[in-house]
Amino acid sequence: TVVAFVPTSRYSQSSVIIKTKIYYLGGIDLTGKGANSLFYLDVSSPFDSTNPKWTDLTSVAPIPVNSAFAPSCVGGSNNSTIFLFEHHKTNNDNSTSFTFDSTSQKWSAPTTSGIIPPTRQEMRAIVDKNGKIYINGGYEPYISMKSYNNTYILDSLSLYWANGPNALIVRSDYSATLLSSGVIVYIGGTNDDRSPEIDMNSLSIYDTKIGAWSSMTATGDVIAARQSHSAVLNKNGSIIIYGGGANNYTVAPNPPLAILDTNSVPYKWSAKPFTSTVAPPPLAYHSAQMVGEYMIIAFGVGILNAKFDLATAPNNNIFILDTTNYTWVTSIVSPNPSVNGIVFCCKRKRPDYMYYIPTPGTIRNEM
């Protein structure tokens, strides 16, 4: 009998999507240690959140280091390479970049040049249509124990690092989302681990076309401040956020689910209802990816005894949000991904799947 692979509960992992596979990298499990695991979820065919189709690559392609709180994204000439920016060092040495070729299933540590950033954690990596990867801010947990506002840019084709302008405010544990206009929207987070969370109306915006920062004050519904939340972009250009923690992770912020409309200026928040028997519990340090009309949420840490319990409450479940009507479902039927969405990465003339996979079809078990 072949036993299906089921990943262990974890949080602070990173995730990327390449075509019809969502890859999950590392994370901290119940042992309290960072993991070198690598596995993926196949979303090319119908699947049920209670029985997802996992494939483990750890035995053949383990991450070269234990990884947690580390940013990752997809880049390279064919949009098939995962870039993982390792940070687990007890000094302020420069960060090491690892790459995973999803075709050959091989890891490497390519030589990069330029202004190599120092090791940090709790930041995001965003890639634009030219294959440039943007990393901002982050937290240094060993020496300074502070958050930063530096911007570093890696050309994923030439492997050259450059400095960008500093952000207007210090930020870590935020979400970052690239819009089709070429701007990256930074939401929430904290100034450092000992400070209150940043107001969700206080947006930092980086224009990748001109290399400049600006700020915007969002309007609309009141969205409680948070960090360690997730954010995805739907095909209408709205940013969907979920979860996070507040007040030193003693509070699950409300509402858990909210939408930022970026088609209006200033951007406008709207809260979404959260009543369903198949909705996720309050989660932080989880992963979220957009597959067609569906937001796929995985892993993370939940609340236990009125706090996010890192020792006993990691999650290994998957939750699915149908963003056409903002209802939680347990399965996706006949996704049939077709190449008619545009990816914002380096293959300019070939649409790909990474950020938007159209998934015509129906859903079931709607709640």
Protein backbone atom coordinates (compact mmCIF):
# COMPACT_ATOMS: atom_id res chain seq x y z
CA THR A 1 0.00 0.00 0.00
CA VAL A 2 1.34 3.40 -0.99
CA VAL A 3 0.81 5.95 1.75
CA ALA A 4 0.03 9.43 0.46
CA PHE A 5 2.36 12.18 1.60
CA VAL A 6 0.84 14.61 4.10
CA PRO A 7 3.02 17.54 5.21
CA THR A 8 3.37 18.19 8.91
CA SER A 9 1.86 21.27 10.55
CA ARG A 10 4.07 24.33 10.22
CA TYR A 11 4.24 28.11 10.07
CA SER A 12 6.56 30.79 8.63
CA GLN A 13 7.12 28.76 5.46
CA SER A 14 7.23 30.50 2.10
CA SER A 15 5.35 29.59 -1.07
CA VAL A 16 5.46 30.28 -4.80
CA ILE A 17 3.39 29.13 -7.75
CA ILE A 18 4.86 27.86 -11.03
CA LYS A 19 2.30 26.97 -13.66
CA THR A 20 -0.07 24.60 -11.85
CA LYS A 21 2.06 23.75 -8.84
CA ILE A 22 2.19 25.63 -5.55
CA TYR A 23 5.57 25.00 -3.92
CA TYR A 24 6.02 25.27 -0.15
CA LEU A 25 9.47 25.82 1.31
CA GLY A 26 10.64 25.20 4.85
CA GLY A 27 8.77 26.51 7.86
CA ILE A 28 8.83 25.76 11.58
CA ASP A 29 7.09 22.60 12.75
CA LEU A 30 6.17 21.25 16.18
CA THR A 31 9.84 20.67 16.98
CA GLY A 32 10.34 24.44 16.93
CA LYS A 33 13.06 24.21 14.31
CA GLY A 34 13.26 25.44 10.75
CA ALA A 35 12.83 22.74 8.14
CA ASN A 36 14.60 21.97 4.85
CA SER A 37 11.46 20.46 3.35
CA LEU A 38 10.20 21.16 -0.16
CA PHE A 39 6.86 19.92 -1.50
CA TYR A 40 4.11 21.08 -3.82
CA LEU A 41 0.34 21.05 -4.27
CA ASP A 42 -0.92 20.15 -7.74
CA VAL A 43 -3.80 22.46 -8.73
CA SER A 44 -4.06 21.35 -12.36
CA SER A 45 -7.12 19.19 -11.76
CA PRO A 46 -10.08 19.14 -9.38
CA PHE A 47 -9.12 18.73 -5.74
CA ASP A 48 -10.69 18.70 -2.32
CA SER A 49 -9.23 20.62 0.60
CA THR A 50 -9.64 17.54 2.80
CA ASN A 51 -7.60 15.39 0.40
CA PRO A 52 -5.15 17.60 -1.49
CA LYS A 53 -2.65 16.16 -3.96
CA TRP A 54 0.72 16.67 -2.28
CA THR A 55 4.07 15.66 -3.74
CA ASP A 56 7.13 15.62 -1.50
CA LEU A 57 10.47 16.59 -3.03
CA THR A 58 12.45 16.67 0.20
CA SER A 59 14.06 13.27 -0.31
CA VAL A 60 15.37 14.20 -3.76
CA ALA A 61 15.76 17.98 -3.44
CA PRO A 62 15.97 19.18 0.18
CA ILE A 63 16.58 22.88 0.71
CA PRO A 64 20.34 23.32 1.32
CA VAL A 65 19.59 25.00 4.67
CA ASN A 66 16.82 24.96 7.23
CA SER A 67 14.49 27.76 6.16
CA ALA A 68 11.87 29.84 7.97
CA PHE A 69 10.72 33.47 7.82
CA ALA A 70 12.58 33.65 4.49
CA PRO A 71 11.31 35.40 1.34
CA SER A 72 11.05 33.55 -1.96
CA CYS A 73 9.73 34.22 -5.45
CA VAL A 74 9.97 32.94 -9.03
CA GLY A 75 12.39 34.45 -11.54
CA GLY A 76 15.00 33.55 -14.12
CA SER A 77 14.81 33.40 -17.90
CA ASN A 78 12.04 30.80 -18.11
CA ASN A 79 9.94 31.65 -15.06
CA SER A 80 10.80 28.22 -13.69
CA THR A 81 13.39 29.06 -11.03
CA ILE A 82 12.59 29.58 -7.36
CA PHE A 83 14.76 32.14 -5.58
CA LEU A 84 15.05 31.62 -1.81
CA PHE A 85 16.82 34.24 0.29
CA GLU A 86 18.28 32.48 3.32
CA HIS A 87 18.63 34.41 6.55
CA HIS A 88 19.20 31.88 9.36
CA LYS A 89 22.54 33.22 10.54
CA THR A 90 23.51 34.41 14.02
CA ASN A 91 25.55 37.31 12.71
CA ASN A 92 24.96 40.10 10.23
CA ASP A 93 26.70 38.41 7.31
CA ASN A 94 25.38 38.93 3.81
CA SER A 95 22.33 36.94 2.80
CA THR A 96 22.80 33.82 0.68
CA SER A 97 20.60 33.32 -2.36
CA PHE A 98 19.59 29.78 -3.30
CA THR A 99 17.87 28.81 -6.53
CA PHE A 100 15.76 25.77 -7.34
CA ASP A 101 15.31 24.74 -10.97
CA SER A 102 11.81 23.28 -11.02
CA THR A 103 12.54 21.47 -14.28
CA SER A 104 15.69 19.62 -13.23
CA GLN A 105 14.70 19.67 -9.53
CA LYS A 106 18.18 20.83 -8.54
CA TRP A 107 19.28 23.42 -5.96
CA SER A 108 22.26 25.71 -6.39
CA ALA A 109 23.82 28.71 -4.69
CA PRO A 110 24.61 31.02 -7.61
CA THR A 111 27.28 33.67 -7.32
CA THR A 112 25.72 37.11 -7.18
CA SER A 113 27.46 40.46 -7.51
CA GLY A 114 26.77 44.05 -6.57
CA ILE A 115 25.49 45.28 -3.21
CA ILE A 116 24.53 42.03 -1.51
CA PRO A 117 22.00 42.67 1.28
CA PRO A 118 22.62 41.67 4.90
CA THR A 119 20.74 38.74 6.36
CA ARG A 120 17.23 39.62 7.56
CA GLN A 121 13.84 37.98 7.97
CA GLU A 122 10.10 38.73 7.89
CA MET A 123 10.13 40.49 4.53
CA ARG A 124 8.70 39.77 1.08
CA ALA A 125 10.27 39.22 -2.33
CA ILE A 126 8.35 40.59 -5.33
CA VAL A 127 9.34 40.07 -8.98
CA ASP A 128 8.35 42.45 -11.79
CA LYS A 129 7.79 41.75 -15.50
CA ASN A 130 11.49 42.34 -16.24
CA GLY A 131 12.67 39.69 -13.81
CA LYS A 132 13.83 42.12 -11.14
CA ILE A 133 13.23 41.00 -7.56
CA TYR A 134 12.46 43.66 -4.94
CA ILE A 135 13.09 43.10 -1.23
CA ASN A 136 12.37 45.81 1.32
CA GLY A 137 12.85 46.22 5.04
CA GLY A 138 12.77 43.17 7.23
CA TYR A 139 13.91 42.37 10.74
CA GLU A 140 17.39 41.48 12.04
CA PRO A 141 16.83 39.21 15.07
CA TYR A 142 20.34 38.54 16.35
CA ILE A 143 22.42 41.72 16.65
CA SER A 144 20.45 44.96 16.20
CA MET A 145 17.02 43.37 16.79
CA LYS A 146 15.54 46.14 14.64
CA SER A 147 13.51 46.49 11.47
CA TYR A 148 14.78 48.43 8.46
CA ASN A 149 13.62 50.36 5.41
CA ASN A 150 16.36 49.48 2.89
CA THR A 151 15.40 48.40 -0.61
CA TYR A 152 17.45 45.79 -2.47
CA ILE A 153 16.89 44.80 -6.09
CA LEU A 154 18.20 41.57 -7.64
CA ASP A 155 18.18 41.13 -11.41
CA SER A 156 17.24 37.45 -11.62
CA LEU A 157 18.76 37.21 -15.11
CA SER A 158 22.18 38.78 -14.48
CA LEU A 159 22.24 37.98 -10.72
CA TYR A 160 23.32 41.53 -9.92
CA TRP A 161 22.21 43.24 -6.70
CA ALA A 162 21.54 46.99 -6.60
CA ASN A 163 20.36 49.40 -3.94
CA GLY A 164 17.00 51.06 -4.36
CA PRO A 165 15.79 54.12 -2.45
CA ASN A 166 14.89 53.65 1.20
CA ALA A 167 11.21 53.32 2.02
CA LEU A 168 9.53 56.21 3.81
CA ILE A 169 8.90 54.10 6.92
CA VAL A 170 10.50 51.08 8.54
CA ARG A 171 8.43 47.93 8.03
CA SER A 172 8.67 44.16 8.61
CA ASP A 173 6.16 41.29 8.71
CA TYR A 174 4.09 43.15 6.11
CA SER A 175 2.37 42.03 2.91
CA ALA A 176 3.55 43.19 -0.51
CA THR A 177 1.55 42.96 -3.74
CA LEU A 178 2.52 43.91 -7.29
CA LEU A 179 -0.20 45.62 -9.34
CA SER A 180 -0.38 45.50 -13.14
CA SER A 181 0.63 49.19 -13.18
CA GLY A 182 4.06 48.22 -11.86
CA VAL A 183 3.61 49.52 -8.31
CA ILE A 184 4.12 47.39 -5.22
CA VAL A 185 1.69 48.01 -2.36
CA TYR A 186 3.03 47.39 1.15
CA ILE A 187 0.38 46.83 3.82
CA GLY A 188 0.51 46.43 7.60
CA GLY A 189 3.38 44.89 9.49
CA THR A 190 5.31 46.47 12.31
CA ASN A 191 8.18 48.92 12.82
CA ASP A 192 9.92 46.29 14.93
CA ASP A 193 8.95 43.33 17.10
CA ARG A 194 8.38 45.53 20.13
CA SER A 195 6.18 48.15 18.44
CA PRO A 196 2.45 48.22 17.71
CA GLU A 197 1.35 47.19 14.25
CA ILE A 198 1.25 49.79 11.47
CA ASP A 199 -2.15 51.29 10.62
CA MET A 200 -3.70 49.43 7.69
CA ASN A 201 -4.63 52.75 6.08
CA SER A 202 -0.96 53.76 6.00
CA LEU A 203 0.19 52.31 2.67
CA SER A 204 3.72 52.41 1.29
CA ILE A 205 3.86 52.30 -2.50
CA TYR A 206 6.95 51.61 -4.61
CA ASP A 207 6.83 52.39 -8.32
CA THR A 208 9.12 49.89 -10.05
CA LYS A 209 9.06 51.89 -13.30
CA ILE A 210 10.61 55.04 -11.86
CA GLY A 211 12.20 53.64 -8.70
CA ALA A 212 10.41 55.93 -6.27
CA TRP A 213 8.44 55.60 -3.04
CA SER A 214 5.21 57.35 -2.12
CA SER A 215 2.61 56.99 0.59
CA MET A 216 -1.17 56.82 0.50
CA THR A 217 -3.86 56.89 3.17
CA ALA A 218 -6.55 54.36 2.34
CA THR A 219 -10.23 55.00 3.06
CA GLY A 220 -13.28 52.80 3.61
CA ASP A 221 -14.09 50.31 6.34
CA VAL A 222 -12.02 50.13 9.51
CA ILE A 223 -9.51 47.29 9.21
CA ALA A 224 -7.61 46.50 12.40
CA ALA A 225 -3.81 46.71 12.27
CA ARG A 226 -1.95 43.42 11.90
CA GLN A 227 1.24 41.65 10.95
CA SER A 228 2.04 38.20 9.53
CA HIS A 229 -1.07 38.33 7.33
CA SER A 230 -1.32 37.22 3.70
CA ALA A 231 -2.30 39.12 0.56
CA VAL A 232 -3.15 38.10 -3.00
CA LEU A 233 -4.23 40.03 -6.08
CA ASN A 234 -7.44 39.15 -7.93
CA LYS A 235 -7.98 39.70 -11.65
CA ASN A 236 -9.91 42.93 -10.96
CA GLY A 237 -6.88 44.52 -9.35
CA SER A 238 -8.11 44.28 -5.76
CA ILE A 239 -5.85 43.06 -2.97
CA ILE A 240 -7.39 40.40 -0.71
CA ILE A 241 -5.89 40.12 2.77
CA TYR A 242 -6.49 37.44 5.35
CA GLY A 243 -5.52 36.80 8.97
CA GLY A 244 -2.51 38.04 10.87
CA GLY A 245 -1.84 38.80 14.51
CA ALA A 246 -1.87 41.90 16.70
CA ASN A 247 -0.82 43.05 20.18
CA ASN A 248 2.16 40.71 20.36
CA TYR A 249 0.04 37.96 18.81
CA THR A 250 -2.50 37.93 21.63
CA VAL A 251 -5.30 39.14 19.35
CA ALA A 252 -6.70 37.99 16.02
CA PRO A 253 -7.48 41.29 14.23
CA ASN A 254 -10.91 42.02 12.79
CA PRO A 255 -12.12 41.61 10.21
CA PRO A 256 -10.10 38.51 9.30
CA LEU A 257 -10.90 39.03 5.59
CA ALA A 258 -10.79 42.37 3.79
CA ILE A 259 -10.46 43.76 0.26
CA LEU A 260 -8.44 46.79 -0.85
CA ASP A 261 -9.84 48.27 -4.06
CA THR A 262 -6.87 49.73 -5.96
CA ASN A 263 -9.01 50.99 -8.85
CA SER A 264 -10.10 54.00 -6.80
CA VAL A 265 -7.79 56.74 -5.56
CA PRO A 266 -7.21 56.71 -2.70
CA TYR A 267 -7.47 52.95 -2.37
CA LYS A 268 -10.54 51.83 -0.45
CA TRP A 269 -11.00 49.07 2.14
CA SER A 270 -14.07 46.89 2.49
CA ALA A 271 -14.61 44.21 5.12
CA LYS A 272 -16.00 40.85 4.08
CA PRO A 273 -18.28 38.53 6.10
CA PHE A 274 -16.62 35.59 7.76
CA THR A 275 -19.39 33.17 8.69
CA SER A 276 -18.88 29.62 7.46
CA THR A 277 -18.38 26.18 8.90
CA VAL A 278 -15.48 25.62 6.49
CA ALA A 279 -13.73 28.96 7.02
CA PRO A 280 -10.20 28.86 8.42
CA PRO A 281 -9.49 29.64 12.07
CA PRO A 282 -7.56 32.82 12.86
CA LEU A 283 -4.12 32.25 11.33
CA ALA A 284 -0.80 34.07 11.16
CA TYR A 285 2.45 33.15 9.42
CA HIS A 286 0.45 31.21 6.81
CA SER A 287 0.74 31.13 3.01
CA ALA A 288 -1.73 32.25 0.35
CA GLN A 289 -1.71 31.94 -3.42
CA MET A 290 -4.26 32.89 -6.07
CA VAL A 291 -5.37 30.12 -8.45
CA GLY A 292 -7.86 31.53 -10.92
CA GLU A 293 -10.78 32.81 -8.85
CA TYR A 294 -9.67 30.94 -5.74
CA MET A 295 -7.47 32.05 -2.86
CA ILE A 296 -5.65 28.99 -1.47
CA ILE A 297 -4.60 29.39 2.19
CA ALA A 298 -2.28 26.84 3.79
CA PHE A 299 -0.45 26.19 7.05
CA GLY A 300 0.19 28.96 9.60
CA VAL A 301 -0.30 29.14 13.35
CA GLY A 302 -3.64 29.48 15.12
CA ILE A 303 -4.89 30.90 18.39
CA LEU A 304 -4.84 28.70 21.49
CA ASN A 305 -5.59 29.98 24.99
CA ALA A 306 -6.07 33.55 23.75
CA LYS A 307 -2.74 33.75 21.95
CA PHE A 308 -1.03 32.51 18.82
CA ASP A 309 0.60 29.42 20.27
CA LEU A 310 3.77 28.72 18.29
CA ALA A 311 4.49 25.55 20.25
CA THR A 312 1.26 23.60 19.88
CA ALA A 313 -1.03 25.28 17.35
CA PRO A 314 0.57 25.09 13.87
CA ASN A 315 -1.85 24.13 11.10
CA ASN A 316 -1.46 21.75 8.14
CA ASN A 317 -4.88 22.27 6.58
CA ILE A 318 -5.86 23.98 3.33
CA PHE A 319 -8.70 26.48 3.02
CA ILE A 320 -10.27 27.74 -0.22
CA LEU A 321 -11.92 31.12 -0.76
CA ASP A 322 -14.05 31.61 -3.87
CA THR A 323 -13.37 35.27 -4.61
CA THR A 324 -16.27 35.64 -7.04
CA ASN A 325 -18.66 35.75 -4.08
CA TYR A 326 -16.28 35.57 -1.09
CA THR A 327 -17.55 32.26 0.20
CA TRP A 328 -15.45 29.49 1.69
CA VAL A 329 -15.60 26.17 -0.17
CA THR A 330 -14.03 22.76 0.29
CA SER A 331 -13.31 21.82 -3.30
CA ILE A 332 -12.58 23.13 -6.76
CA VAL A 333 -14.14 21.26 -9.68
CA SER A 334 -12.67 21.26 -13.20
CA PRO A 335 -10.14 24.08 -12.86
CA ASN A 336 -8.87 23.46 -16.44
CA PRO A 337 -6.22 26.20 -16.30
CA SER A 338 -5.78 27.88 -19.67
CA VAL A 339 -3.20 30.40 -20.70
CA ASN A 340 -5.22 33.58 -21.00
CA GLY A 341 -4.01 35.42 -17.93
CA ILE A 342 -0.89 37.57 -17.99
CA VAL A 343 1.99 36.99 -15.61
CA PHE A 344 4.11 39.88 -14.37
CA CYS A 345 7.54 38.33 -14.83
CA CYS A 346 10.41 38.14 -17.19
CA LYS A 347 9.05 36.20 -20.18
CA ARG A 348 7.41 39.22 -21.78
CA LYS A 349 5.85 37.52 -24.81
CA ARG A 350 4.57 34.36 -23.16
CA PRO A 351 1.69 34.46 -20.71
CA ASP A 352 2.21 32.16 -17.76
CA TYR A 353 0.37 30.96 -14.69
CA MET A 354 2.26 32.42 -11.80
CA TYR A 355 -0.06 35.11 -10.53
CA TYR A 356 -3.36 34.46 -12.30
CA ILE A 357 -4.68 31.15 -13.55
CA PRO A 358 -8.15 31.44 -15.06
CA THR A 359 -10.17 28.53 -13.71
CA PRO A 360 -13.60 28.25 -15.31
CA GLY A 361 -15.74 25.66 -13.61
CA THR A 362 -18.06 25.12 -10.71
CA ILE A 363 -17.68 24.74 -6.97
CA ARG A 364 -19.35 22.53 -4.45
CA ASN A 365 -19.88 22.45 -0.69
CA GLU A 366 -20.40 26.18 -0.71
CA MET A 367 -20.99 27.65 2.73
